[in-house]
Amino acid sequence: MKAVEFTAKIENNRISLPKNKEYLIEGKEVKVIVLIKEESNAFQQLAQEEFLDGYAKEDSMYDKL
């Protein structure tokens, strides 16, 4: 399976495909995954904080490898 990435907007419950992509062939079966851009990055910020909270002072020895 080949991965293709592009941005689009939902209009009338439809997503338009780019017309200039030779691999987007009419009738071709595809698997669709929709990633919705979030307005707030609060979750990402919390995840980063939680990750860094798990970083102990003793872990700094690995930074020099």
PDB file of N, CA and C in Angstrom:
ATOM      1  N   MET A   1       0.843  -1.178   0.000  1.00  0.00           N
ATOM      2  CA  MET A   1       0.000   0.000   0.000  1.00  0.00           C
ATOM      3  C   MET A   1       0.885   1.236   0.000  1.00  0.00           C
ATOM      4  N   LYS A   2       0.536   2.229  -0.758  1.00  0.00           N
ATOM      5  CA  LYS A   2       1.278   3.483  -0.846  1.00  0.00           C
ATOM      6  C   LYS A   2       0.560   4.539  -0.013  1.00  0.00           C
ATOM      7  N   ALA A   3       1.321   5.351   0.701  1.00  0.00           N
ATOM      8  CA  ALA A   3       0.733   6.425   1.506  1.00  0.00           C
ATOM      9  C   ALA A   3       0.781   7.734   0.716  1.00  0.00           C
ATOM     10  N   VAL A   4      -0.305   8.478   0.777  1.00  0.00           N
ATOM     11  CA  VAL A   4      -0.411   9.778   0.120  1.00  0.00           C
ATOM     12  C   VAL A   4      -0.908  10.771   1.163  1.00  0.00           C
ATOM     13  N   GLU A   5      -0.276  11.923   1.220  1.00  0.00           N
ATOM     14  CA  GLU A   5      -0.698  12.934   2.193  1.00  0.00           C
ATOM     15  C   GLU A   5      -1.042  14.229   1.473  1.00  0.00           C
ATOM     16  N   PHE A   6      -2.136  14.815   1.864  1.00  0.00           N
ATOM     17  CA  PHE A   6      -2.526  16.119   1.357  1.00  0.00           C
ATOM     18  C   PHE A   6      -3.498  16.729   2.352  1.00  0.00           C
ATOM     19  N   THR A   7      -3.646  18.033   2.303  1.00  0.00           N
ATOM     20  CA  THR A   7      -4.604  18.699   3.172  1.00  0.00           C
ATOM     21  C   THR A   7      -5.856  19.014   2.370  1.00  0.00           C
ATOM     22  N   ALA A   8      -6.978  19.033   3.056  1.00  0.00           N
ATOM     23  CA  ALA A   8      -8.259  19.314   2.405  1.00  0.00           C
ATOM     24  C   ALA A   8      -9.220  19.856   3.442  1.00  0.00           C
ATOM     25  N   LYS A   9     -10.293  20.424   2.972  1.00  0.00           N
ATOM     26  CA  LYS A   9     -11.367  20.886   3.850  1.00  0.00           C
ATOM     27  C   LYS A   9     -12.613  20.083   3.530  1.00  0.00           C
ATOM     28  N   ILE A  10     -13.402  19.814   4.552  1.00  0.00           N
ATOM     29  CA  ILE A  10     -14.663  19.113   4.370  1.00  0.00           C
ATOM     30  C   ILE A  10     -15.700  20.132   3.914  1.00  0.00           C
ATOM     31  N   GLU A  11     -16.321  19.865   2.783  1.00  0.00           N
ATOM     32  CA  GLU A  11     -17.364  20.735   2.251  1.00  0.00           C
ATOM     33  C   GLU A  11     -18.551  19.868   1.862  1.00  0.00           C
ATOM     34  N   ASN A  12     -19.702  20.153   2.455  1.00  0.00           N
ATOM     35  CA  ASN A  12     -20.918  19.361   2.207  1.00  0.00           C
ATOM     36  C   ASN A  12     -20.678  17.879   2.489  1.00  0.00           C
ATOM     37  N   ASN A  13     -19.991  17.604   3.593  1.00  0.00           N
ATOM     38  CA  ASN A  13     -19.664  16.231   4.014  1.00  0.00           C
ATOM     39  C   ASN A  13     -18.832  15.479   2.990  1.00  0.00           C
ATOM     40  N   ARG A  14     -18.023  16.176   2.214  1.00  0.00           N
ATOM     41  CA  ARG A  14     -17.167  15.552   1.201  1.00  0.00           C
ATOM     42  C   ARG A  14     -15.748  16.116   1.307  1.00  0.00           C
ATOM     43  N   ILE A  15     -14.803  15.268   0.957  1.00  0.00           N
ATOM     44  CA  ILE A  15     -13.408  15.677   0.868  1.00  0.00           C
ATOM     45  C   ILE A  15     -12.996  15.513  -0.588  1.00  0.00           C
ATOM     46  N   SER A  16     -12.539  16.584  -1.199  1.00  0.00           N
ATOM     47  CA  SER A  16     -12.098  16.521  -2.594  1.00  0.00           C
ATOM     48  C   SER A  16     -10.654  16.055  -2.661  1.00  0.00           C
ATOM     49  N   LEU A  17     -10.380  15.183  -3.632  1.00  0.00           N
ATOM     50  CA  LEU A  17      -9.018  14.702  -3.849  1.00  0.00           C
ATOM     51  C   LEU A  17      -8.302  15.625  -4.824  1.00  0.00           C
ATOM     52  N   PRO A  18      -6.984  15.767  -4.668  1.00  0.00           N
ATOM     53  CA  PRO A  18      -6.230  16.579  -5.626  1.00  0.00           C
ATOM     54  C   PRO A  18      -6.344  15.969  -7.025  1.00  0.00           C
ATOM     55  N   LYS A  19      -6.498  16.803  -8.027  1.00  0.00           N
ATOM     56  CA  LYS A  19      -6.674  16.308  -9.400  1.00  0.00           C
ATOM     57  C   LYS A  19      -5.357  15.999 -10.093  1.00  0.00           C
ATOM     58  N   ASN A  20      -4.256  16.563  -9.629  1.00  0.00           N
ATOM     59  CA  ASN A  20      -2.986  16.394 -10.327  1.00  0.00           C
ATOM     60  C   ASN A  20      -2.158  15.210  -9.810  1.00  0.00           C
ATOM     61  N   LYS A  21      -2.764  14.284  -9.109  1.00  0.00           N
ATOM     62  CA  LYS A  21      -2.041  13.131  -8.576  1.00  0.00           C
ATOM     63  C   LYS A  21      -2.339  11.914  -9.441  1.00  0.00           C
ATOM     64  N   GLU A  22      -1.335  11.428 -10.167  1.00  0.00           N
ATOM     65  CA  GLU A  22      -1.530  10.334 -11.108  1.00  0.00           C
ATOM     66  C   GLU A  22      -1.887   9.007 -10.433  1.00  0.00           C
ATOM     67  N   TYR A  23      -1.605   8.869  -9.148  1.00  0.00           N
ATOM     68  CA  TYR A  23      -1.897   7.612  -8.454  1.00  0.00           C
ATOM     69  C   TYR A  23      -3.308   7.579  -7.865  1.00  0.00           C
ATOM     70  N   LEU A  24      -4.048   8.678  -7.932  1.00  0.00           N
ATOM     71  CA  LEU A  24      -5.434   8.702  -7.480  1.00  0.00           C
ATOM     72  C   LEU A  24      -6.334   8.413  -8.683  1.00  0.00           C
ATOM     73  N   ILE A  25      -6.488   7.138  -8.973  1.00  0.00           N
ATOM     74  CA  ILE A  25      -7.170   6.689 -10.177  1.00  0.00           C
ATOM     75  C   ILE A  25      -8.635   6.399  -9.872  1.00  0.00           C
ATOM     76  N   GLU A  26      -9.518   6.867 -10.742  1.00  0.00           N
ATOM     77  CA  GLU A  26     -10.956   6.620 -10.614  1.00  0.00           C
ATOM     78  C   GLU A  26     -11.217   5.119 -10.477  1.00  0.00           C
ATOM     79  N   GLY A  27     -12.001   4.746  -9.477  1.00  0.00           N
ATOM     80  CA  GLY A  27     -12.368   3.345  -9.266  1.00  0.00           C
ATOM     81  C   GLY A  27     -11.364   2.550  -8.450  1.00  0.00           C
ATOM     82  N   LYS A  28     -10.223   3.126  -8.128  1.00  0.00           N
ATOM     83  CA  LYS A  28      -9.192   2.441  -7.347  1.00  0.00           C
ATOM     84  C   LYS A  28      -9.638   2.359  -5.891  1.00  0.00           C
ATOM     85  N   GLU A  29      -9.477   1.179  -5.272  1.00  0.00           N
ATOM     86  CA  GLU A  29      -9.850   1.006  -3.868  1.00  0.00           C
ATOM     87  C   GLU A  29      -8.776   1.639  -2.985  1.00  0.00           C
ATOM     88  N   VAL A  30      -9.199   2.397  -1.967  1.00  0.00           N
ATOM     89  CA  VAL A  30      -8.275   3.077  -1.065  1.00  0.00           C
ATOM     90  C   VAL A  30      -8.707   2.864   0.385  1.00  0.00           C
ATOM     91  N   LYS A  31      -7.771   3.050   1.274  1.00  0.00           N
ATOM     92  CA  LYS A  31      -8.046   3.046   2.711  1.00  0.00           C
ATOM     93  C   LYS A  31      -7.887   4.494   3.173  1.00  0.00           C
ATOM     94  N   VAL A  32      -8.884   5.016   3.866  1.00  0.00           N
ATOM     95  CA  VAL A  32      -8.880   6.429   4.246  1.00  0.00           C
ATOM     96  C   VAL A  32      -8.770   6.561   5.763  1.00  0.00           C
ATOM     97  N   ILE A  33      -7.838   7.394   6.195  1.00  0.00           N
ATOM     98  CA  ILE A  33      -7.686   7.749   7.609  1.00  0.00           C
ATOM     99  C   ILE A  33      -7.763   9.267   7.676  1.00  0.00           C
ATOM    100  N   VAL A  34      -8.660   9.794   8.473  1.00  0.00           N
ATOM    101  CA  VAL A  34      -8.842  11.243   8.576  1.00  0.00           C
ATOM    102  C   VAL A  34      -8.253  11.721   9.898  1.00  0.00           C
ATOM    103  N   LEU A  35      -7.324  12.655   9.831  1.00  0.00           N
ATOM    104  CA  LEU A  35      -6.744  13.288  11.008  1.00  0.00           C
ATOM    105  C   LEU A  35      -7.307  14.696  11.088  1.00  0.00           C
ATOM    106  N   ILE A  36      -7.965  15.005  12.170  1.00  0.00           N
ATOM    107  CA  ILE A  36      -8.629  16.290  12.322  1.00  0.00           C
ATOM    108  C   ILE A  36      -7.739  17.222  13.142  1.00  0.00           C
ATOM    109  N   LYS A  37      -7.414  18.354  12.571  1.00  0.00           N
ATOM    110  CA  LYS A  37      -6.581  19.338  13.257  1.00  0.00           C
ATOM    111  C   LYS A  37      -7.343  19.886  14.459  1.00  0.00           C
ATOM    112  N   GLU A  38      -6.702  19.830  15.610  1.00  0.00           N
ATOM    113  CA  GLU A  38      -7.329  20.328  16.836  1.00  0.00           C
ATOM    114  C   GLU A  38      -7.040  21.810  16.991  1.00  0.00           C
ATOM    115  N   GLU A  39      -7.999  22.515  17.522  1.00  0.00           N
ATOM    116  CA  GLU A  39      -7.844  23.955  17.729  1.00  0.00           C
ATOM    117  C   GLU A  39      -6.879  24.256  18.871  1.00  0.00           C
ATOM    118  N   SER A  40      -6.849  23.379  19.857  1.00  0.00           N
ATOM    119  CA  SER A  40      -6.012  23.600  21.029  1.00  0.00           C
ATOM    120  C   SER A  40      -4.930  22.539  21.099  1.00  0.00           C
ATOM    121  N   ASN A  41      -3.755  22.918  21.531  1.00  0.00           N
ATOM    122  CA  ASN A  41      -2.692  21.945  21.694  1.00  0.00           C
ATOM    123  C   ASN A  41      -2.519  21.576  23.170  1.00  0.00           C
ATOM    124  N   ALA A  42      -3.582  21.683  23.954  1.00  0.00           N
ATOM    125  CA  ALA A  42      -3.519  21.392  25.391  1.00  0.00           C
ATOM    126  C   ALA A  42      -3.095  19.943  25.632  1.00  0.00           C
ATOM    127  N   PHE A  43      -3.626  19.006  24.840  1.00  0.00           N
ATOM    128  CA  PHE A  43      -3.266  17.602  25.019  1.00  0.00           C
ATOM    129  C   PHE A  43      -1.786  17.390  24.732  1.00  0.00           C
ATOM    130  N   GLN A  44      -1.272  17.992  23.667  1.00  0.00           N
ATOM    131  CA  GLN A  44       0.133  17.850  23.312  1.00  0.00           C
ATOM    132  C   GLN A  44       1.019  18.442  24.406  1.00  0.00           C
ATOM    133  N   GLN A  45       0.622  19.582  24.929  1.00  0.00           N
ATOM    134  CA  GLN A  45       1.401  20.212  25.988  1.00  0.00           C
ATOM    135  C   GLN A  45       1.416  19.336  27.236  1.00  0.00           C
ATOM    136  N   LEU A  46       0.269  18.769  27.612  1.00  0.00           N
ATOM    137  CA  LEU A  46       0.200  17.884  28.772  1.00  0.00           C
ATOM    138  C   LEU A  46       1.075  16.653  28.563  1.00  0.00           C
ATOM    139  N   ALA A  47       1.040  16.079  27.368  1.00  0.00           N
ATOM    140  CA  ALA A  47       1.850  14.900  27.074  1.00  0.00           C
ATOM    141  C   ALA A  47       3.338  15.216  27.205  1.00  0.00           C
ATOM    142  N   GLN A  48       3.753  16.383  26.709  1.00  0.00           N
ATOM    143  CA  GLN A  48       5.152  16.781  26.833  1.00  0.00           C
ATOM    144  C   GLN A  48       5.547  16.974  28.291  1.00  0.00           C
ATOM    145  N   GLU A  49       4.686  17.596  29.070  1.00  0.00           N
ATOM    146  CA  GLU A  49       4.974  17.809  30.485  1.00  0.00           C
ATOM    147  C   GLU A  49       5.084  16.481  31.221  1.00  0.00           C
ATOM    148  N   GLU A  50       4.162  15.564  30.936  1.00  0.00           N
ATOM    149  CA  GLU A  50       4.195  14.248  31.581  1.00  0.00           C
ATOM    150  C   GLU A  50       5.469  13.501  31.207  1.00  0.00           C
ATOM    151  N   PHE A  51       5.862  13.597  29.950  1.00  0.00           N
ATOM    152  CA  PHE A  51       7.075  12.922  29.493  1.00  0.00           C
ATOM    153  C   PHE A  51       8.293  13.478  30.220  1.00  0.00           C
ATOM    154  N   LEU A  52       8.387  14.814  30.289  1.00  0.00           N
ATOM    155  CA  LEU A  52       9.539  15.425  30.930  1.00  0.00           C
ATOM    156  C   LEU A  52       9.538  15.218  32.435  1.00  0.00           C
ATOM    157  N   ASP A  53       8.377  15.063  33.054  1.00  0.00           N
ATOM    158  CA  ASP A  53       8.319  14.769  34.486  1.00  0.00           C
ATOM    159  C   ASP A  53       8.964  13.427  34.789  1.00  0.00           C
ATOM    160  N   GLY A  54       8.952  12.515  33.821  1.00  0.00           N
ATOM    161  CA  GLY A  54       9.556  11.195  34.000  1.00  0.00           C
ATOM    162  C   GLY A  54      11.056  11.195  33.774  1.00  0.00           C
ATOM    163  N   TYR A  55      11.637  12.323  33.388  1.00  0.00           N
ATOM    164  CA  TYR A  55      13.071  12.441  33.127  1.00  0.00           C
ATOM    165  C   TYR A  55      13.784  12.751  34.431  1.00  0.00           C
ATOM    166  N   ALA A  56      14.556  11.799  34.905  1.00  0.00           N
ATOM    167  CA  ALA A  56      15.267  11.969  36.175  1.00  0.00           C
ATOM    168  C   ALA A  56      16.651  12.569  35.933  1.00  0.00           C
ATOM    169  N   LYS A  57      17.214  13.186  36.950  1.00  0.00           N
ATOM    170  CA  LYS A  57      18.549  13.783  36.863  1.00  0.00           C
ATOM    171  C   LYS A  57      19.580  12.729  36.467  1.00  0.00           C
ATOM    172  N   GLU A  58      19.395  11.511  36.954  1.00  0.00           N
ATOM    173  CA  GLU A  58      20.328  10.426  36.659  1.00  0.00           C
ATOM    174  C   GLU A  58      20.325  10.060  35.168  1.00  0.00           C
ATOM    175  N   ASP A  59      19.240  10.380  34.470  1.00  0.00           N
ATOM    176  CA  ASP A  59      19.141  10.062  33.050  1.00  0.00           C
ATOM    177  C   ASP A  59      20.076  10.918  32.199  1.00  0.00           C
ATOM    178  N   SER A  60      20.596  12.003  32.762  1.00  0.00           N
ATOM    179  CA  SER A  60      21.455  12.900  31.982  1.00  0.00           C
ATOM    180  C   SER A  60      22.732  12.211  31.520  1.00  0.00           C
ATOM    181  N   MET A  61      23.129  11.121  32.177  1.00  0.00           N
ATOM    182  CA  MET A  61      24.336  10.397  31.752  1.00  0.00           C
ATOM    183  C   MET A  61      24.181   9.847  30.338  1.00  0.00           C
ATOM    184  N   TYR A  62      22.944   9.574  29.921  1.00  0.00           N
ATOM    185  CA  TYR A  62      22.717   9.047  28.576  1.00  0.00           C
ATOM    186  C   TYR A  62      22.815  10.134  27.503  1.00  0.00           C
ATOM    187  N   ASP A  63      22.726  11.398  27.891  1.00  0.00           N
ATOM    188  CA  ASP A  63      22.830  12.494  26.951  1.00  0.00           C
ATOM    189  C   ASP A  63      24.253  12.583  26.351  1.00  0.00           C
ATOM    190  N   LYS A  64      25.229  12.022  27.035  1.00  0.00           N
ATOM    191  CA  LYS A  64      26.637  12.126  26.611  1.00  0.00           C
ATOM    192  C   LYS A  64      27.061  10.952  25.739  1.00  0.00           C
ATOM    193  N   LEU A  65      26.210   9.993  25.501  1.00  0.00           N
ATOM    194  CA  LEU A  65      26.592   8.830  24.685  1.00  0.00           C
ATOM    195  C   LEU A  65      26.636   9.140  23.224  1.00  0.00           C
TER     196      LEU A  65
END
